Amino acid sequence: MHHQLLEHLAGPPGAVLDVGGGAGHQSFPLAQAGYAVTLLDPSAAMLDKARERLDRLPAEVQKRVTLLQGDGLKAVELVDGRLFDAVLCHGVLGYLDQPDELVSQLCQCAVAGGLVSIMTGNANTMAVRPALERRWDDALAAFDSTEEIGVLGVPTRADTVEHLSELMKSHGVAALEWYGVWLFTDWLDFSGVEVDLTDSAQVAAMAAVELEASKRDPYRQLSRPFHLVGRKLT
């Protein structure tokens, strides 16, 4: 996803808002690349983890990061109406009953010409996980569902690229491109194959395959999450 973002982001410096950014896994690499990052998250525990990770980064990177506690549904208010060159929201929409209110907040926080980047569940692949877990009744029902109990054991909801693109458009953001996410690595647990994450050569090779698959049909269509990038028109 970092590489996908860099395909559309203007070079640093620039201001990035990461809504629901958790421990900073997506936004801290952008801070290391030279962007000024504001990480907004409602969880004090997640912000504590972000601080722990931030403390291990160089001092010049730490200066480019602001941690802010609060609900993304009040993002415009919490950032005092400030506009950002890029607004990220990855892995959050699926925990809301409806995405419209949060998408509106994201789009309002982007400067004209700025990016809005959303990663969420793919409603077109809902049957895959229950099928691989041999929950056949659940898999059959999932073909016509956009909801499931997610990997964290709580209800989650998925979207389609088409619906989310139209929703962004209604808030002044035109879709630029969409990508698949974790097509192969997401299913390794079911294959019995263990990946040695300390093997940098293996991780790099895996990442190269994932990046290529994320851009190509039909591979990207089979990913459980998708990554949609749009640009603010006005």
Protein backbone atom coordinates (compact mmCIF):
# COMPACT_ATOMS: atom_id res chain seq x y z
CA MET A 1 0.00 0.00 0.00
CA HIS A 2 2.95 2.33 0.64
CA HIS A 3 4.13 1.85 -2.95
CA GLN A 4 0.58 2.31 -4.23
CA LEU A 5 0.29 5.62 -2.37
CA LEU A 6 3.62 6.88 -3.69
CA GLU A 7 2.35 6.41 -7.25
CA HIS A 8 -0.14 9.24 -6.63
CA LEU A 9 1.35 11.41 -3.88
CA ALA A 10 3.25 14.53 -4.79
CA GLY A 11 6.77 14.43 -3.40
CA PRO A 12 7.49 15.63 0.13
CA PRO A 13 7.08 17.85 1.96
CA GLY A 14 3.34 17.53 2.27
CA ALA A 15 0.76 17.10 5.03
CA VAL A 16 -0.90 13.70 5.61
CA LEU A 17 -3.84 12.89 7.88
CA ASP A 18 -4.16 9.23 8.87
CA VAL A 19 -7.67 8.65 10.24
CA GLY A 20 -7.83 5.55 12.42
CA GLY A 21 -4.10 5.21 11.93
CA GLY A 22 -3.54 2.94 14.94
CA ALA A 23 0.12 2.29 15.65
CA GLY A 24 1.29 4.20 12.58
CA HIS A 25 2.21 1.28 10.36
CA GLN A 26 0.97 3.14 7.27
CA SER A 27 1.77 6.74 8.14
CA PHE A 28 5.17 6.44 9.84
CA PRO A 29 6.89 5.28 6.62
CA LEU A 30 5.48 8.43 5.01
CA ALA A 31 6.96 10.50 7.85
CA GLN A 32 10.29 8.78 7.23
CA ALA A 33 9.96 9.74 3.56
CA GLY A 34 9.62 13.42 4.51
CA TYR A 35 5.88 14.01 4.91
CA ALA A 36 4.32 15.75 7.94
CA VAL A 37 1.87 13.25 9.44
CA THR A 38 -1.07 13.72 11.78
CA LEU A 39 -2.26 10.37 13.14
CA LEU A 40 -5.83 10.45 14.45
CA ASP A 41 -7.15 7.47 16.41
CA PRO A 42 -9.87 7.06 19.08
CA SER A 43 -7.95 4.43 21.07
CA ALA A 44 -5.55 5.55 23.78
CA ALA A 45 -4.01 2.06 23.77
CA MET A 46 -3.27 2.24 20.05
CA LEU A 47 -1.79 5.72 20.42
CA ASP A 48 0.46 4.38 23.18
CA LYS A 49 1.71 1.75 20.75
CA ALA A 50 2.24 4.48 18.17
CA ARG A 51 4.31 6.48 20.67
CA GLU A 52 6.43 3.42 21.44
CA ARG A 53 7.15 2.92 17.75
CA LEU A 54 7.71 6.62 17.19
CA ASP A 55 10.28 6.76 20.01
CA ARG A 56 12.41 4.29 18.07
CA LEU A 57 12.54 6.50 14.98
CA PRO A 58 15.13 9.25 14.36
CA ALA A 59 14.50 12.62 16.01
CA GLU A 60 13.93 14.40 12.69
CA VAL A 61 11.17 11.90 11.83
CA GLN A 62 9.55 12.28 15.24
CA LYS A 63 9.28 16.03 14.67
CA ARG A 64 7.15 15.38 11.58
CA VAL A 65 4.51 13.33 13.47
CA THR A 66 1.55 14.57 15.51
CA LEU A 67 -0.57 12.09 17.48
CA LEU A 68 -4.17 13.08 18.08
CA GLN A 69 -6.85 11.16 19.96
CA GLY A 70 -10.40 11.32 18.67
CA ASP A 71 -13.13 9.81 16.52
CA GLY A 72 -12.75 10.03 12.75
CA LEU A 73 -16.41 10.96 12.52
CA LYS A 74 -15.34 14.31 14.01
CA ALA A 75 -12.13 14.63 12.00
CA VAL A 76 -12.90 18.07 10.55
CA GLU A 77 -13.51 19.47 14.04
CA LEU A 78 -10.54 17.70 15.64
CA VAL A 79 -8.05 19.08 13.11
CA ASP A 80 -9.63 22.57 13.39
CA GLY A 81 -10.62 22.59 9.73
CA ARG A 82 -7.05 22.14 8.51
CA LEU A 83 -6.72 20.72 4.99
CA PHE A 84 -4.24 17.97 4.07
CA ASP A 85 -2.46 16.94 0.89
CA ALA A 86 -3.49 13.33 1.58
CA VAL A 87 -6.08 11.77 3.87
CA LEU A 88 -5.74 8.06 4.68
CA CYS A 89 -8.34 5.76 6.20
CA HIS A 90 -7.29 2.13 6.13
CA GLY A 91 -9.18 -0.71 7.78
CA VAL A 92 -11.82 1.46 9.47
CA LEU A 93 -14.95 1.63 7.28
CA GLY A 94 -15.77 -2.04 7.83
CA TYR A 95 -16.50 -1.42 11.51
CA LEU A 96 -19.18 1.18 10.76
CA ASP A 97 -22.81 0.40 9.95
CA GLN A 98 -22.67 2.86 7.04
CA PRO A 99 -19.62 4.50 5.45
CA ASP A 100 -21.15 7.80 4.26
CA GLU A 101 -20.53 9.99 7.29
CA LEU A 102 -16.87 9.01 7.66
CA VAL A 103 -16.21 9.28 3.92
CA SER A 104 -17.66 12.79 4.04
CA GLN A 105 -15.25 13.71 6.82
CA LEU A 106 -12.28 12.30 4.92
CA CYS A 107 -13.15 14.21 1.76
CA GLN A 108 -13.70 17.47 3.65
CA CYS A 109 -10.21 17.20 5.17
CA ALA A 110 -8.47 17.00 1.77
CA VAL A 111 -7.15 20.10 0.03
CA ALA A 112 -8.23 20.70 -3.58
CA GLY A 113 -6.10 18.36 -5.65
CA GLY A 114 -5.28 16.26 -2.59
CA LEU A 115 -5.59 12.49 -2.25
CA VAL A 116 -8.12 10.42 -0.33
CA SER A 117 -6.95 6.86 0.28
CA ILE A 118 -9.33 4.21 1.66
CA MET A 119 -8.67 0.53 2.31
CA THR A 120 -11.65 -1.64 3.23
CA GLY A 121 -13.13 -5.10 2.79
CA ASN A 122 -14.05 -6.39 -0.65
CA ALA A 123 -17.73 -7.37 -0.75
CA ASN A 124 -17.11 -9.48 -3.86
CA THR A 125 -14.94 -12.01 -2.03
CA MET A 126 -16.99 -12.59 1.12
CA ALA A 127 -17.37 -16.32 0.47
CA VAL A 128 -13.66 -17.09 0.29
CA ARG A 129 -12.69 -17.16 3.97
CA PRO A 130 -15.62 -19.31 5.20
CA ALA A 131 -15.07 -21.67 2.26
CA LEU A 132 -11.38 -22.11 3.09
CA GLU A 133 -12.41 -22.73 6.70
CA ARG A 134 -14.85 -25.36 5.36
CA ARG A 135 -17.85 -23.50 6.76
CA TRP A 136 -19.89 -24.36 3.70
CA ASP A 137 -23.27 -23.03 4.85
CA ASP A 138 -21.67 -19.72 5.79
CA ALA A 139 -19.82 -19.59 2.48
CA LEU A 140 -23.02 -20.16 0.50
CA ALA A 141 -24.79 -17.38 2.40
CA ALA A 142 -21.79 -15.06 1.97
CA PHE A 143 -22.23 -14.81 -1.81
CA ASP A 144 -25.15 -12.44 -1.19
CA SER A 145 -23.86 -10.76 1.97
CA THR A 146 -21.69 -7.77 2.79
CA GLU A 147 -21.28 -8.64 6.47
CA GLU A 148 -19.27 -11.21 8.42
CA ILE A 149 -17.59 -11.83 11.74
CA GLY A 150 -14.08 -10.59 11.06
CA VAL A 151 -10.72 -11.98 12.13
CA LEU A 152 -10.93 -9.96 15.37
CA GLY A 153 -14.20 -11.69 16.28
CA VAL A 154 -16.41 -8.63 15.78
CA PRO A 155 -18.96 -7.92 13.03
CA THR A 156 -17.52 -6.25 9.95
CA ARG A 157 -19.01 -4.91 6.74
CA ALA A 158 -17.53 -4.83 3.23
CA ASP A 159 -17.93 -2.49 0.27
CA THR A 160 -17.51 -2.63 -3.49
CA VAL A 161 -15.13 -0.45 -5.47
CA GLU A 162 -18.05 0.86 -7.51
CA HIS A 163 -20.17 1.88 -4.52
CA LEU A 164 -17.29 3.50 -2.66
CA SER A 165 -16.17 5.34 -5.81
CA GLU A 166 -19.67 6.80 -6.21
CA LEU A 167 -19.76 7.74 -2.54
CA MET A 168 -16.44 9.57 -2.81
CA LYS A 169 -17.66 11.29 -5.98
CA SER A 170 -20.72 12.60 -4.13
CA HIS A 171 -18.29 14.35 -1.77
CA GLY A 172 -16.16 15.90 -4.50
CA VAL A 173 -13.46 13.24 -4.85
CA ALA A 174 -12.89 11.45 -8.16
CA ALA A 175 -11.56 7.88 -8.05
CA LEU A 176 -8.12 7.56 -9.65
CA GLU A 177 -7.22 3.90 -9.22
CA TRP A 178 -7.91 0.89 -7.08
CA TYR A 179 -5.70 -2.00 -6.00
CA GLY A 180 -5.97 -5.39 -4.39
CA VAL A 181 -4.32 -5.91 -1.00
CA TRP A 182 -2.71 -9.06 0.43
CA LEU A 183 -4.04 -11.40 -2.23
CA PHE A 184 -1.65 -14.28 -1.55
CA THR A 185 -0.34 -13.55 1.94
CA ASP A 186 -3.86 -13.28 3.34
CA TRP A 187 -4.47 -16.96 2.60
CA LEU A 188 -1.14 -18.46 3.71
CA ASP A 189 -2.59 -19.45 7.09
CA PHE A 190 -4.92 -21.85 5.28
CA SER A 191 -2.14 -23.43 3.20
CA GLY A 192 -0.05 -24.61 6.15
CA VAL A 193 2.94 -22.65 4.85
CA GLU A 194 4.86 -20.57 7.37
CA VAL A 195 6.64 -17.42 6.25
CA ASP A 196 9.90 -16.48 7.93
CA LEU A 197 9.51 -12.72 8.32
CA THR A 198 13.16 -12.43 9.38
CA ASP A 199 14.20 -13.59 5.90
CA SER A 200 14.47 -10.23 4.13
CA ALA A 201 14.97 -11.80 0.70
CA GLN A 202 11.80 -13.88 1.05
CA VAL A 203 9.80 -10.91 2.33
CA ALA A 204 11.01 -8.72 -0.55
CA ALA A 205 10.10 -11.39 -3.10
CA MET A 206 6.67 -11.80 -1.52
CA ALA A 207 6.10 -8.04 -1.57
CA ALA A 208 7.07 -7.84 -5.24
CA VAL A 209 4.50 -10.50 -6.15
CA GLU A 210 1.80 -8.81 -4.07
CA LEU A 211 2.49 -5.43 -5.66
CA GLU A 212 2.24 -6.86 -9.16
CA ALA A 213 -0.97 -8.77 -8.35
CA SER A 214 -2.50 -5.67 -6.78
CA LYS A 215 -2.57 -3.92 -10.17
CA ARG A 216 -3.76 -6.74 -12.42
CA ASP A 217 -7.12 -8.26 -13.19
CA PRO A 218 -8.36 -10.79 -12.27
CA TYR A 219 -5.93 -10.98 -9.33
CA ARG A 220 -6.83 -7.69 -7.66
CA GLN A 221 -10.52 -8.60 -7.82
CA LEU A 222 -9.87 -11.65 -5.63
CA SER A 223 -8.29 -9.77 -2.72
CA ARG A 224 -10.22 -9.68 0.55
CA PRO A 225 -9.50 -5.93 1.03
CA PHE A 226 -9.12 -3.34 -1.69
CA HIS A 227 -7.36 0.02 -1.73
CA LEU A 228 -9.11 2.92 -3.47
CA VAL A 229 -7.32 6.21 -4.21
CA GLY A 230 -9.15 9.37 -5.25
CA ARG A 231 -8.34 13.03 -5.85
CA LYS A 232 -10.28 16.02 -4.48
CA LEU A 233 -11.71 18.08 -7.31
CA THR A 234 -12.64 21.32 -5.54
